[in-house]
Amino acid sequence: MKFALQMFPTDYAIPAHELAQAAEDLEFEALFFPEHTHMPVEHTPFPGGTELPLQYSHTLDPFAVIGACAAVTSTIKLGTGIALVIQRDPIMLAKEVASVDLLSNGRFLFGIGGGFLIV
């Protein structure tokens, strides 16, 4: 059986590249990073029924994080879990995806979605 990890890369969490190295050493198959680019003043309530957790307003860009992780690992797959496609410029997103996939030697997994916030 294969297992993967997911974490919110933030300014106060374990550095993502350190987690990637440890996950690879422990033979996890993949490591995923979500993204949260916008926080509207009025939004759909958090599905957990509580206030929006702090990590949503501190999330680092997943493509920058994946690039850093790819530079210090060689086998673990790295991906977005999920990328908010509708909130990104499509040409720049395509370039980011292609760049990260190339620099990771084809280890990039592109998870996409719309997120839970409906404004």
Protein backbone atom coordinates (compact mmCIF):
# COMPACT_ATOMS: atom_id res chain seq x y z
CA MET A 1 0.00 0.00 0.00
CA LYS A 2 1.24 3.50 -0.83
CA PHE A 3 0.70 6.60 1.30
CA ALA A 4 0.95 10.33 0.70
CA LEU A 5 1.05 13.42 2.88
CA GLN A 6 -0.55 16.83 2.58
CA MET A 7 0.33 20.00 4.46
CA PHE A 8 -0.45 23.70 4.37
CA PRO A 9 2.92 25.34 3.72
CA THR A 10 2.92 28.47 5.88
CA ASP A 11 5.39 30.89 7.40
CA TYR A 12 5.03 29.16 10.77
CA ALA A 13 4.99 25.46 9.73
CA ILE A 14 7.90 23.08 9.24
CA PRO A 15 9.78 24.20 6.13
CA ALA A 16 8.20 22.27 3.26
CA HIS A 17 11.54 21.19 1.79
CA GLU A 18 12.50 19.62 5.14
CA LEU A 19 9.19 17.75 5.24
CA ALA A 20 9.73 16.59 1.65
CA GLN A 21 13.17 15.20 2.51
CA ALA A 22 11.80 13.38 5.56
CA ALA A 23 8.80 12.04 3.63
CA GLU A 24 11.08 10.75 0.89
CA ASP A 25 13.40 9.13 3.46
CA LEU A 26 10.35 7.42 4.99
CA GLU A 27 9.31 6.21 1.50
CA PHE A 28 6.04 8.11 1.20
CA GLU A 29 4.86 8.10 -2.39
CA ALA A 30 3.79 11.74 -2.63
CA LEU A 31 3.49 15.09 -0.88
CA PHE A 32 0.69 17.52 -1.74
CA PHE A 33 0.28 21.24 -1.06
CA PRO A 34 -3.04 23.11 -1.21
CA GLU A 35 -3.37 26.72 -2.19
CA HIS A 36 -5.47 29.52 -0.89
CA THR A 37 -4.99 32.73 -2.83
CA HIS A 38 -7.93 34.93 -1.83
CA MET A 39 -9.81 35.68 1.35
CA PRO A 40 -12.92 37.75 0.63
CA VAL A 41 -14.37 39.82 3.46
CA GLU A 42 -17.69 37.98 3.08
CA HIS A 43 -17.47 34.33 2.14
CA THR A 44 -19.14 30.97 2.41
CA PRO A 45 -18.75 29.62 5.97
CA PHE A 46 -15.89 27.22 6.56
CA PRO A 47 -17.20 23.65 6.06
CA GLY A 48 -15.76 22.63 9.43
CA GLY A 49 -18.34 24.84 11.17
CA THR A 50 -15.70 26.92 12.93
CA GLU A 51 -13.81 30.10 12.16
CA LEU A 52 -11.54 29.78 9.14
CA PRO A 53 -8.26 28.21 10.37
CA LEU A 54 -5.20 30.48 10.39
CA GLN A 55 -3.31 28.50 7.73
CA TYR A 56 -5.76 29.64 5.04
CA SER A 57 -4.50 33.22 5.34
CA HIS A 58 -0.83 32.18 5.61
CA THR A 59 -0.56 29.62 2.80
CA LEU A 60 2.54 29.94 0.61
CA ASP A 61 2.33 29.55 -3.17
CA PRO A 62 2.26 25.82 -3.94
CA PHE A 63 4.34 26.10 -7.12
CA ALA A 64 7.19 27.90 -5.34
CA VAL A 65 7.01 25.34 -2.52
CA ILE A 66 7.00 22.38 -4.93
CA GLY A 67 10.01 23.84 -6.74
CA ALA A 68 11.92 24.04 -3.46
CA CYS A 69 10.93 20.48 -2.57
CA ALA A 70 11.90 19.16 -6.00
CA ALA A 71 15.36 20.68 -5.61
CA VAL A 72 16.12 18.63 -2.48
CA THR A 73 14.43 15.32 -3.37
CA SER A 74 14.67 12.84 -6.22
CA THR A 75 11.90 10.24 -5.99
CA ILE A 76 8.87 11.52 -4.09
CA LYS A 77 6.02 12.80 -6.24
CA LEU A 78 4.99 16.38 -5.52
CA GLY A 79 1.63 17.90 -6.26
CA THR A 80 -1.08 20.44 -5.72
CA GLY A 81 -3.90 19.28 -3.57
CA ILE A 82 -5.59 21.39 -5.01
CA ALA A 83 -4.69 24.29 -7.31
CA LEU A 84 -7.48 26.84 -7.61
CA VAL A 85 -7.43 27.06 -11.40
CA ILE A 86 -10.24 29.61 -11.69
CA GLN A 87 -8.25 32.09 -9.57
CA ARG A 88 -5.17 31.97 -11.81
CA ASP A 89 -4.23 33.32 -15.21
CA PRO A 90 -4.45 30.28 -17.54
CA ILE A 91 -1.28 31.04 -19.55
CA MET A 92 0.84 31.65 -16.44
CA LEU A 93 -0.63 28.56 -14.77
CA ALA A 94 0.27 26.40 -17.77
CA LYS A 95 3.81 27.76 -17.66
CA GLU A 96 4.10 27.14 -13.90
CA VAL A 97 2.83 23.58 -14.26
CA ALA A 98 5.18 22.81 -17.16
CA SER A 99 8.14 24.40 -15.37
CA VAL A 100 7.61 22.50 -12.11
CA ASP A 101 7.05 19.24 -13.97
CA LEU A 102 10.26 19.71 -15.95
CA LEU A 103 12.34 20.75 -12.93
CA SER A 104 11.05 17.79 -10.89
CA ASN A 105 11.85 15.31 -13.67
CA GLY A 106 8.18 14.46 -14.23
CA ARG A 107 7.28 14.00 -10.54
CA PHE A 108 4.59 16.70 -10.51
CA LEU A 109 0.95 15.69 -9.91
CA PHE A 110 -1.51 18.43 -10.87
CA GLY A 111 -4.60 18.35 -8.65
CA ILE A 112 -7.18 20.99 -9.56
CA GLY A 113 -10.45 22.25 -8.12
CA GLY A 114 -12.60 25.24 -7.35
CA GLY A 115 -12.21 25.33 -3.58
CA PHE A 116 -14.99 25.76 -1.03
CA LEU A 117 -15.36 29.54 -0.96
CA ILE A 118 -18.31 30.76 -2.97
CA VAL A 119 -18.63 34.53 -2.99
